[in-house]
Amino acid sequence: MPETPIQLLVEGLLYDFGQMTIPFDNVDKELLEKPKKLDMKSLKRFMLFMGPVSSLFDLIVFISLWFVFMVRDVSHFQTIWFTYSIVSNLIGMHIIRTAKTPFIESNANKAVYISSSLLIILGILVPFTPLGNAIGLVPIAGQHILMIFAVTILYCIVASFAKKIYIKKYKEWI
C-alpha cells in the first residue's frame, strides 16, 4: 500500500490548503476577455490525455524506489510517496493552471506561490515531526528528497510538452 488512509487524509488536507488560494489567482487576460464555459467533453478529453502523463511519473517513482533505491521498508516507501505526492501536485498545479508557460508567460498570484512553497516545505518536514511519526511517516534521506524534486521537474517538462501537443490538437486548454 503506497499510503495508509490517515497518511492520504493528511496529504489531501495539506494539498487542499494549497488550493485555498486559487480564488485569488491571476487569470490570463484572454480568458477574462472571452471566458470559457465548462464543457464535460473537454474535461473528459483533458483527463484522458493528461492523466496517463501523470500516471507515468507515478510509475517512475515506484520503479525508482524499488529498483534504484532498493526501498523495501514500508514506512520509508510510504513517506517518500507522501512527500512526492505533495510536491508534485503543488508544483504540477502551476503547469495546468494556464495554457501559457508558467512562471514565464503567466504568473500565479503571490498568495498561490507562497502557499505552494510553504506547503511543499511542510510536506517535506512533516515526516520529521511528531505528527509524521503519529501517522507512520519516518525521516527520509536527502537523496530521496532530491529524487522527489528531480522526478517532479521532469514531470513538469514532459507535462508542458504534452500541454502544447494537447493545445495544438484540440485548439483549447481546460
N, C-alpha and C. Protein backbone atom coordinates (compact mmCIF):
# COMPACT_ATOMS: atom_id res chain seq x y z
N MET A 1 0.85 -1.17 0.00
CA MET A 1 0.00 0.00 0.00
C MET A 1 0.90 1.24 0.00
N PRO A 2 0.78 2.10 -1.03
CA PRO A 2 1.66 3.27 -1.10
C PRO A 2 1.47 4.23 0.07
N GLU A 3 0.27 4.30 0.61
CA GLU A 3 0.00 5.15 1.76
C GLU A 3 -1.13 4.54 2.58
N THR A 4 -1.11 4.82 3.87
CA THR A 4 -2.22 4.39 4.72
C THR A 4 -3.34 5.42 4.57
N PRO A 5 -4.55 5.05 4.97
CA PRO A 5 -5.65 6.02 4.87
C PRO A 5 -5.38 7.34 5.60
N ILE A 6 -4.81 7.28 6.80
CA ILE A 6 -4.55 8.51 7.55
C ILE A 6 -3.48 9.36 6.85
N GLN A 7 -2.50 8.73 6.26
CA GLN A 7 -1.48 9.48 5.51
C GLN A 7 -2.12 10.16 4.31
N LEU A 8 -2.99 9.46 3.63
CA LEU A 8 -3.69 10.02 2.47
C LEU A 8 -4.56 11.21 2.89
N LEU A 9 -5.22 11.09 4.03
CA LEU A 9 -6.06 12.19 4.51
C LEU A 9 -5.21 13.42 4.86
N VAL A 10 -4.09 13.21 5.53
CA VAL A 10 -3.21 14.34 5.88
C VAL A 10 -2.64 14.96 4.60
N GLU A 11 -2.21 14.13 3.67
CA GLU A 11 -1.71 14.63 2.39
C GLU A 11 -2.78 15.45 1.69
N GLY A 12 -4.00 14.93 1.63
CA GLY A 12 -5.11 15.64 1.00
C GLY A 12 -5.41 16.96 1.70
N LEU A 13 -5.34 16.96 3.02
CA LEU A 13 -5.58 18.19 3.77
C LEU A 13 -4.52 19.24 3.45
N LEU A 14 -3.26 18.84 3.40
CA LEU A 14 -2.18 19.78 3.05
C LEU A 14 -2.38 20.31 1.63
N TYR A 15 -2.67 19.42 0.70
CA TYR A 15 -2.89 19.84 -0.69
C TYR A 15 -4.09 20.78 -0.78
N ASP A 16 -5.16 20.47 -0.04
CA ASP A 16 -6.35 21.32 -0.06
C ASP A 16 -6.05 22.72 0.47
N PHE A 17 -5.19 22.83 1.47
CA PHE A 17 -4.80 24.16 1.95
C PHE A 17 -4.14 24.94 0.81
N GLY A 18 -3.36 24.26 0.00
CA GLY A 18 -2.72 24.91 -1.15
C GLY A 18 -3.73 25.39 -2.17
N GLN A 19 -4.86 24.72 -2.26
CA GLN A 19 -5.90 25.10 -3.22
C GLN A 19 -6.74 26.28 -2.74
N MET A 20 -6.65 26.58 -1.45
CA MET A 20 -7.48 27.66 -0.89
C MET A 20 -7.11 29.04 -1.45
N THR A 21 -5.93 29.17 -2.02
CA THR A 21 -5.53 30.46 -2.57
C THR A 21 -5.91 30.60 -4.05
N ILE A 22 -6.39 29.54 -4.66
CA ILE A 22 -6.73 29.59 -6.09
C ILE A 22 -7.78 30.67 -6.41
N PRO A 23 -8.78 30.93 -5.56
CA PRO A 23 -9.72 32.01 -5.89
C PRO A 23 -9.05 33.38 -6.04
N PHE A 24 -7.87 33.54 -5.48
CA PHE A 24 -7.16 34.81 -5.58
C PHE A 24 -6.18 34.83 -6.76
N ASP A 25 -6.12 33.73 -7.50
CA ASP A 25 -5.14 33.60 -8.57
C ASP A 25 -5.42 34.58 -9.71
N ASN A 26 -4.36 34.90 -10.42
CA ASN A 26 -4.47 35.72 -11.62
C ASN A 26 -5.00 34.85 -12.75
N VAL A 27 -5.81 35.44 -13.60
CA VAL A 27 -6.35 34.74 -14.75
C VAL A 27 -5.74 35.38 -16.00
N ASP A 28 -5.35 34.57 -16.95
CA ASP A 28 -4.79 35.10 -18.19
C ASP A 28 -5.79 36.04 -18.85
N LYS A 29 -5.26 37.13 -19.39
CA LYS A 29 -6.08 38.21 -19.96
C LYS A 29 -7.10 37.69 -20.98
N GLU A 30 -6.67 36.79 -21.86
CA GLU A 30 -7.58 36.31 -22.91
C GLU A 30 -8.76 35.52 -22.34
N LEU A 31 -8.59 34.91 -21.17
CA LEU A 31 -9.70 34.19 -20.55
C LEU A 31 -10.68 35.16 -19.89
N LEU A 32 -10.17 36.31 -19.47
CA LEU A 32 -11.06 37.33 -18.93
C LEU A 32 -11.88 37.97 -20.05
N GLU A 33 -11.23 38.15 -21.20
CA GLU A 33 -11.91 38.76 -22.34
C GLU A 33 -12.95 37.82 -22.96
N LYS A 34 -12.61 36.54 -22.98
CA LYS A 34 -13.52 35.55 -23.55
C LYS A 34 -13.54 34.31 -22.64
N PRO A 35 -14.37 34.36 -21.58
CA PRO A 35 -14.42 33.23 -20.64
C PRO A 35 -14.83 31.93 -21.33
N LYS A 36 -14.29 30.85 -20.83
CA LYS A 36 -14.58 29.52 -21.38
C LYS A 36 -15.68 28.88 -20.54
N LYS A 37 -16.66 28.30 -21.19
CA LYS A 37 -17.72 27.59 -20.48
C LYS A 37 -17.25 26.21 -20.09
N LEU A 38 -17.76 25.73 -18.96
CA LEU A 38 -17.44 24.37 -18.52
C LEU A 38 -18.05 23.39 -19.51
N ASP A 39 -17.21 22.52 -20.05
CA ASP A 39 -17.63 21.55 -21.04
C ASP A 39 -17.14 20.18 -20.58
N MET A 40 -18.06 19.31 -20.24
CA MET A 40 -17.68 17.99 -19.72
C MET A 40 -16.90 17.17 -20.75
N LYS A 41 -17.20 17.33 -22.02
CA LYS A 41 -16.47 16.61 -23.05
C LYS A 41 -15.00 17.03 -23.05
N SER A 42 -14.76 18.33 -22.95
CA SER A 42 -13.39 18.84 -22.91
C SER A 42 -12.67 18.37 -21.65
N LEU A 43 -13.38 18.40 -20.53
CA LEU A 43 -12.77 17.96 -19.28
C LEU A 43 -12.40 16.48 -19.34
N LYS A 44 -13.28 15.67 -19.89
CA LYS A 44 -13.01 14.24 -20.04
C LYS A 44 -11.81 14.02 -20.97
N ARG A 45 -11.77 14.74 -22.07
CA ARG A 45 -10.66 14.63 -23.02
C ARG A 45 -9.34 15.02 -22.34
N PHE A 46 -9.39 16.10 -21.56
CA PHE A 46 -8.21 16.56 -20.82
C PHE A 46 -7.71 15.47 -19.87
N MET A 47 -8.64 14.89 -19.12
CA MET A 47 -8.26 13.85 -18.14
C MET A 47 -7.67 12.63 -18.84
N LEU A 48 -8.26 12.23 -19.95
CA LEU A 48 -7.76 11.05 -20.67
C LEU A 48 -6.41 11.32 -21.35
N PHE A 49 -6.14 12.59 -21.66
CA PHE A 49 -4.87 12.95 -22.30
C PHE A 49 -3.77 13.15 -21.26
N MET A 50 -4.05 13.95 -20.23
CA MET A 50 -3.02 14.30 -19.27
C MET A 50 -2.88 13.28 -18.13
N GLY A 51 -3.94 12.55 -17.85
CA GLY A 51 -3.89 11.56 -16.77
C GLY A 51 -2.78 10.53 -16.94
N PRO A 52 -2.66 9.93 -18.11
CA PRO A 52 -1.57 8.96 -18.31
C PRO A 52 -0.16 9.57 -18.14
N VAL A 53 -0.02 10.86 -18.46
CA VAL A 53 1.29 11.51 -18.26
C VAL A 53 1.63 11.50 -16.77
N SER A 54 0.66 11.89 -15.97
CA SER A 54 0.86 11.89 -14.52
C SER A 54 1.11 10.48 -13.99
N SER A 55 0.34 9.53 -14.47
CA SER A 55 0.50 8.14 -14.03
C SER A 55 1.86 7.57 -14.40
N LEU A 56 2.39 7.97 -15.55
CA LEU A 56 3.72 7.52 -15.96
C LEU A 56 4.76 7.92 -14.91
N PHE A 57 4.64 9.12 -14.39
CA PHE A 57 5.62 9.57 -13.40
C PHE A 57 5.41 8.92 -12.04
N ASP A 58 4.18 8.54 -11.74
CA ASP A 58 3.95 7.73 -10.54
C ASP A 58 4.69 6.40 -10.67
N LEU A 59 4.60 5.80 -11.85
CA LEU A 59 5.31 4.54 -12.10
C LEU A 59 6.83 4.72 -12.01
N ILE A 60 7.31 5.85 -12.52
CA ILE A 60 8.75 6.12 -12.44
C ILE A 60 9.19 6.18 -10.98
N VAL A 61 8.40 6.81 -10.13
CA VAL A 61 8.74 6.87 -8.71
C VAL A 61 8.72 5.47 -8.10
N PHE A 62 7.66 4.71 -8.37
CA PHE A 62 7.58 3.34 -7.85
C PHE A 62 8.81 2.52 -8.27
N ILE A 63 9.10 2.54 -9.56
CA ILE A 63 10.22 1.75 -10.09
C ILE A 63 11.54 2.23 -9.52
N SER A 64 11.72 3.54 -9.42
CA SER A 64 12.96 4.08 -8.84
C SER A 64 13.14 3.65 -7.40
N LEU A 65 12.06 3.72 -6.64
CA LEU A 65 12.16 3.32 -5.23
C LEU A 65 12.52 1.85 -5.09
N TRP A 66 11.93 1.02 -5.91
CA TRP A 66 12.16 -0.42 -5.79
C TRP A 66 13.51 -0.85 -6.38
N PHE A 67 13.79 -0.43 -7.60
CA PHE A 67 14.98 -0.94 -8.30
C PHE A 67 16.23 -0.09 -8.15
N VAL A 68 16.09 1.22 -8.02
CA VAL A 68 17.27 2.08 -7.92
C VAL A 68 17.66 2.29 -6.46
N PHE A 69 16.69 2.68 -5.64
CA PHE A 69 16.98 2.99 -4.24
C PHE A 69 16.80 1.79 -3.31
N MET A 70 16.28 0.70 -3.87
CA MET A 70 16.09 -0.54 -3.11
C MET A 70 15.31 -0.32 -1.80
N VAL A 71 14.29 0.51 -1.86
CA VAL A 71 13.46 0.77 -0.68
C VAL A 71 12.53 -0.42 -0.48
N ARG A 72 12.73 -1.11 0.61
CA ARG A 72 11.89 -2.28 0.92
C ARG A 72 11.10 -2.06 2.21
N ASP A 73 11.47 -1.07 2.98
CA ASP A 73 10.77 -0.77 4.22
C ASP A 73 9.49 0.01 3.89
N VAL A 74 8.35 -0.50 4.36
CA VAL A 74 7.05 0.09 4.04
C VAL A 74 6.97 1.54 4.51
N SER A 75 7.43 1.83 5.71
CA SER A 75 7.35 3.20 6.24
C SER A 75 8.14 4.19 5.39
N HIS A 76 9.33 3.77 4.94
CA HIS A 76 10.13 4.65 4.09
C HIS A 76 9.43 4.87 2.74
N PHE A 77 8.93 3.79 2.18
CA PHE A 77 8.22 3.91 0.90
C PHE A 77 7.04 4.86 1.04
N GLN A 78 6.23 4.65 2.06
CA GLN A 78 5.05 5.48 2.25
C GLN A 78 5.41 6.94 2.49
N THR A 79 6.50 7.18 3.21
CA THR A 79 6.93 8.55 3.48
C THR A 79 7.39 9.24 2.20
N ILE A 80 8.16 8.54 1.40
CA ILE A 80 8.63 9.12 0.14
C ILE A 80 7.43 9.38 -0.77
N TRP A 81 6.51 8.44 -0.82
CA TRP A 81 5.33 8.62 -1.66
C TRP A 81 4.48 9.79 -1.17
N PHE A 82 4.30 9.92 0.12
CA PHE A 82 3.56 11.02 0.74
C PHE A 82 4.19 12.36 0.32
N THR A 83 5.49 12.45 0.47
CA THR A 83 6.20 13.70 0.16
C THR A 83 6.16 13.98 -1.34
N TYR A 84 6.41 12.96 -2.15
CA TYR A 84 6.37 13.13 -3.61
C TYR A 84 4.99 13.62 -4.05
N SER A 85 3.95 13.04 -3.51
CA SER A 85 2.58 13.41 -3.91
C SER A 85 2.31 14.89 -3.63
N ILE A 86 2.72 15.36 -2.47
CA ILE A 86 2.51 16.77 -2.13
C ILE A 86 3.32 17.67 -3.05
N VAL A 87 4.61 17.38 -3.19
CA VAL A 87 5.49 18.22 -4.01
C VAL A 87 5.03 18.23 -5.46
N SER A 88 4.78 17.06 -6.03
CA SER A 88 4.42 17.01 -7.45
C SER A 88 3.05 17.64 -7.72
N ASN A 89 2.10 17.46 -6.82
CA ASN A 89 0.77 18.05 -7.04
C ASN A 89 0.82 19.57 -6.94
N LEU A 90 1.54 20.09 -5.96
CA LEU A 90 1.59 21.54 -5.80
C LEU A 90 2.39 22.22 -6.91
N ILE A 91 3.45 21.61 -7.36
CA ILE A 91 4.21 22.19 -8.47
C ILE A 91 3.47 21.95 -9.79
N GLY A 92 2.92 20.76 -9.96
CA GLY A 92 2.17 20.43 -11.17
C GLY A 92 0.96 21.33 -11.38
N MET A 93 0.37 21.81 -10.30
CA MET A 93 -0.77 22.72 -10.38
C MET A 93 -0.41 23.95 -11.21
N HIS A 94 0.84 24.40 -11.11
CA HIS A 94 1.27 25.59 -11.85
C HIS A 94 1.37 25.30 -13.35
N ILE A 95 1.62 24.06 -13.71
CA ILE A 95 1.70 23.69 -15.13
C ILE A 95 0.31 23.71 -15.76
N ILE A 96 -0.69 23.20 -15.05
CA ILE A 96 -2.02 23.09 -15.66
C ILE A 96 -2.90 24.32 -15.46
N ARG A 97 -2.49 25.28 -14.65
CA ARG A 97 -3.35 26.44 -14.38
C ARG A 97 -3.46 27.40 -15.55
N THR A 98 -2.60 27.25 -16.54
CA THR A 98 -2.59 28.16 -17.67
C THR A 98 -2.17 27.42 -18.94
N ALA A 99 -2.66 27.92 -20.07
CA ALA A 99 -2.23 27.37 -21.37
C ALA A 99 -0.84 27.89 -21.72
N LYS A 100 -0.42 28.93 -21.05
CA LYS A 100 0.88 29.54 -21.33
C LYS A 100 1.98 28.84 -20.54
N THR A 101 3.20 29.32 -20.72
CA THR A 101 4.32 28.79 -19.96
C THR A 101 4.28 29.39 -18.56
N PRO A 102 4.08 28.56 -17.53
CA PRO A 102 4.01 29.10 -16.18
C PRO A 102 5.35 29.67 -15.75
N PHE A 103 5.28 30.64 -14.86
CA PHE A 103 6.45 31.32 -14.29
C PHE A 103 7.11 32.26 -15.29
N ILE A 104 6.79 32.15 -16.58
CA ILE A 104 7.43 32.99 -17.60
C ILE A 104 6.36 33.84 -18.30
N GLU A 105 5.41 33.20 -18.98
CA GLU A 105 4.37 33.91 -19.72
C GLU A 105 3.14 34.20 -18.87
N SER A 106 2.96 33.43 -17.81
CA SER A 106 1.80 33.59 -16.94
C SER A 106 2.22 33.32 -15.50
N ASN A 107 1.96 34.29 -14.65
CA ASN A 107 2.33 34.14 -13.25
C ASN A 107 1.10 34.03 -12.37
N ALA A 108 1.19 33.14 -11.42
CA ALA A 108 0.13 33.00 -10.44
C ALA A 108 0.19 34.19 -9.48
N ASN A 109 -0.87 34.36 -8.74
CA ASN A 109 -0.91 35.37 -7.69
C ASN A 109 0.14 35.03 -6.63
N LYS A 110 0.69 36.03 -5.98
CA LYS A 110 1.71 35.80 -4.95
C LYS A 110 1.21 34.85 -3.86
N ALA A 111 -0.07 34.95 -3.53
CA ALA A 111 -0.63 34.06 -2.50
C ALA A 111 -0.54 32.59 -2.92
N VAL A 112 -0.74 32.33 -4.21
CA VAL A 112 -0.65 30.95 -4.71
C VAL A 112 0.80 30.47 -4.63
N TYR A 113 1.74 31.33 -5.03
CA TYR A 113 3.16 30.96 -4.93
C TYR A 113 3.58 30.72 -3.48
N ILE A 114 3.15 31.61 -2.61
CA ILE A 114 3.54 31.49 -1.20
C ILE A 114 2.95 30.22 -0.58
N SER A 115 1.66 29.99 -0.82
CA SER A 115 1.04 28.79 -0.23
C SER A 115 1.65 27.51 -0.80
N SER A 116 1.92 27.49 -2.10
CA SER A 116 2.55 26.31 -2.71
C SER A 116 3.92 26.06 -2.08
N SER A 117 4.70 27.11 -1.97
CA SER A 117 6.06 26.97 -1.41
C SER A 117 6.03 26.52 0.05
N LEU A 118 5.18 27.16 0.85
CA LEU A 118 5.11 26.80 2.27
C LEU A 118 4.62 25.36 2.47
N LEU A 119 3.65 24.96 1.66
CA LEU A 119 3.11 23.61 1.81
C LEU A 119 4.08 22.55 1.29
N ILE A 120 4.88 22.88 0.30
CA ILE A 120 5.92 21.95 -0.15
C ILE A 120 6.93 21.76 0.98
N ILE A 121 7.34 22.86 1.59
CA ILE A 121 8.27 22.77 2.73
C ILE A 121 7.65 21.96 3.86
N LEU A 122 6.39 22.23 4.15
CA LEU A 122 5.69 21.50 5.21
C LEU A 122 5.59 20.01 4.86
N GLY A 123 5.29 19.71 3.60
CA GLY A 123 5.19 18.32 3.17
C GLY A 123 6.51 17.57 3.33
N ILE A 124 7.61 18.27 3.16
CA ILE A 124 8.93 17.67 3.34
C ILE A 124 9.24 17.50 4.83
N LEU A 125 8.79 18.46 5.64
CA LEU A 125 9.12 18.44 7.07
C LEU A 125 8.23 17.53 7.91
N VAL A 126 6.99 17.32 7.50
CA VAL A 126 6.05 16.51 8.31
C VAL A 126 6.66 15.17 8.75
N PRO A 127 7.34 14.43 7.89
CA PRO A 127 7.89 13.15 8.34
C PRO A 127 8.91 13.27 9.48
N PHE A 128 9.43 14.45 9.70
CA PHE A 128 10.43 14.67 10.76
C PHE A 128 9.80 15.18 12.06
N THR A 129 8.47 15.21 12.10
CA THR A 129 7.75 15.77 13.24
C THR A 129 6.99 14.68 14.01
N PRO A 130 6.54 15.03 15.22
CA PRO A 130 5.69 14.07 15.96
C PRO A 130 4.41 13.70 15.19
N LEU A 131 3.84 14.65 14.45
CA LEU A 131 2.66 14.34 13.63
C LEU A 131 3.01 13.27 12.61
N GLY A 132 4.14 13.45 11.93
CA GLY A 132 4.57 12.45 10.96
C GLY A 132 4.74 11.09 11.59
N ASN A 133 5.37 11.07 12.74
CA ASN A 133 5.58 9.83 13.48
C ASN A 133 4.24 9.20 13.84
N ALA A 134 3.27 10.03 14.27
CA ALA A 134 1.96 9.53 14.68
C ALA A 134 1.19 8.88 13.53
N ILE A 135 1.45 9.33 12.30
CA ILE A 135 0.72 8.75 11.16
C ILE A 135 1.58 7.73 10.40
N GLY A 136 2.70 7.35 10.98
CA GLY A 136 3.50 6.27 10.40
C GLY A 136 4.57 6.72 9.42
N LEU A 137 4.86 8.02 9.37
CA LEU A 137 5.92 8.51 8.49
C LEU A 137 7.25 8.49 9.24
N VAL A 138 8.33 8.42 8.48
CA VAL A 138 9.67 8.38 9.07
C VAL A 138 10.56 9.37 8.32
N PRO A 139 11.61 9.87 8.98
CA PRO A 139 12.54 10.75 8.27
C PRO A 139 13.13 10.04 7.05
N ILE A 140 13.32 10.80 5.97
CA ILE A 140 13.90 10.23 4.75
C ILE A 140 15.22 10.92 4.42
N ALA A 141 16.03 10.23 3.67
CA ALA A 141 17.36 10.72 3.31
C ALA A 141 17.28 11.83 2.27
N GLY A 142 18.31 12.65 2.26
CA GLY A 142 18.40 13.74 1.29
C GLY A 142 18.34 13.25 -0.15
N GLN A 143 18.90 12.07 -0.42
CA GLN A 143 18.86 11.55 -1.79
C GLN A 143 17.43 11.28 -2.23
N HIS A 144 16.58 10.91 -1.31
CA HIS A 144 15.17 10.68 -1.66
C HIS A 144 14.47 12.00 -1.93
N ILE A 145 14.79 13.02 -1.17
CA ILE A 145 14.21 14.33 -1.41
C ILE A 145 14.67 14.86 -2.76
N LEU A 146 15.94 14.66 -3.09
CA LEU A 146 16.44 15.07 -4.41
C LEU A 146 15.73 14.32 -5.53
N MET A 147 15.50 13.02 -5.33
CA MET A 147 14.77 12.23 -6.33
C MET A 147 13.36 12.76 -6.51
N ILE A 148 12.72 13.13 -5.41
CA ILE A 148 11.36 13.67 -5.47
C ILE A 148 11.34 14.92 -6.35
N PHE A 149 12.29 15.82 -6.14
CA PHE A 149 12.33 17.05 -6.94
C PHE A 149 12.76 16.78 -8.37
N ALA A 150 13.68 15.86 -8.57
CA ALA A 150 14.13 15.53 -9.93
C ALA A 150 12.97 14.97 -10.76
N VAL A 151 12.23 14.03 -10.20
CA VAL A 151 11.10 13.45 -10.93
C VAL A 151 10.01 14.50 -11.15
N THR A 152 9.79 15.35 -10.16
CA THR A 152 8.77 16.41 -10.30
C THR A 152 9.15 17.39 -11.41
N ILE A 153 10.42 17.78 -11.47
CA ILE A 153 10.87 18.69 -12.53
C ILE A 153 10.75 18.02 -13.89
N LEU A 154 11.13 16.76 -13.97
CA LEU A 154 10.98 16.02 -15.22
C LEU A 154 9.51 15.93 -15.62
N TYR A 155 8.64 15.68 -14.66
CA TYR A 155 7.20 15.66 -14.92
C TYR A 155 6.74 16.99 -15.49
N CYS A 156 7.19 18.09 -14.90
CA CYS A 156 6.77 19.42 -15.37
C CYS A 156 7.21 19.67 -16.81
N ILE A 157 8.40 19.22 -17.14
CA ILE A 157 8.90 19.38 -18.52
C ILE A 157 8.05 18.57 -19.49
N VAL A 158 7.83 17.31 -19.16
CA VAL A 158 7.03 16.45 -20.04
C VAL A 158 5.58 16.93 -20.10
N ALA A 159 5.02 17.32 -18.97
CA ALA A 159 3.64 17.81 -18.95
C ALA A 159 3.50 19.09 -19.77
N SER A 160 4.52 19.92 -19.77
CA SER A 160 4.49 21.15 -20.58
C SER A 160 4.48 20.83 -22.07
N PHE A 161 5.28 19.84 -22.46
CA PHE A 161 5.25 19.40 -23.87
C PHE A 161 3.91 18.77 -24.21
N ALA A 162 3.38 17.95 -23.31
CA ALA A 162 2.08 17.32 -23.54
C ALA A 162 1.00 18.40 -23.66
N LYS A 163 1.11 19.43 -22.85
CA LYS A 163 0.14 20.53 -22.90
C LYS A 163 0.17 21.20 -24.28
N LYS A 164 1.36 21.43 -24.80
CA LYS A 164 1.49 22.05 -26.13
C LYS A 164 0.86 21.15 -27.21
N ILE A 165 1.10 19.85 -27.11
CA ILE A 165 0.51 18.91 -28.07
C ILE A 165 -1.01 18.92 -27.95
N TYR A 166 -1.50 18.91 -26.72
CA TYR A 166 -2.94 18.94 -26.49
C TYR A 166 -3.58 20.19 -27.09
N ILE A 167 -2.96 21.34 -26.83
CA ILE A 167 -3.50 22.60 -27.35
C ILE A 167 -3.47 22.62 -28.88
N LYS A 168 -2.39 22.12 -29.45
CA LYS A 168 -2.29 22.07 -30.91
C LYS A 168 -3.36 21.14 -31.50
N LYS A 169 -3.57 20.00 -30.86
CA LYS A 169 -4.53 19.02 -31.37
C LYS A 169 -5.98 19.45 -31.18
N TYR A 170 -6.31 19.97 -29.97
CA TYR A 170 -7.69 20.28 -29.65
C TYR A 170 -8.05 21.77 -29.69
N LYS A 171 -7.04 22.61 -29.93
CA LYS A 171 -7.25 24.06 -30.04
C LYS A 171 -7.87 24.65 -28.77
N GLU A 172 -7.55 24.07 -27.62
CA GLU A 172 -8.06 24.58 -26.35
C GLU A 172 -7.21 24.07 -25.20
N TRP A 173 -7.38 24.69 -24.07
CA TRP A 173 -6.83 24.20 -22.81
C TRP A 173 -7.96 24.27 -21.81
N ILE A 174 -7.92 23.45 -20.83
CA ILE A 174 -9.06 23.37 -19.90
C ILE A 174 -9.38 24.71 -19.37
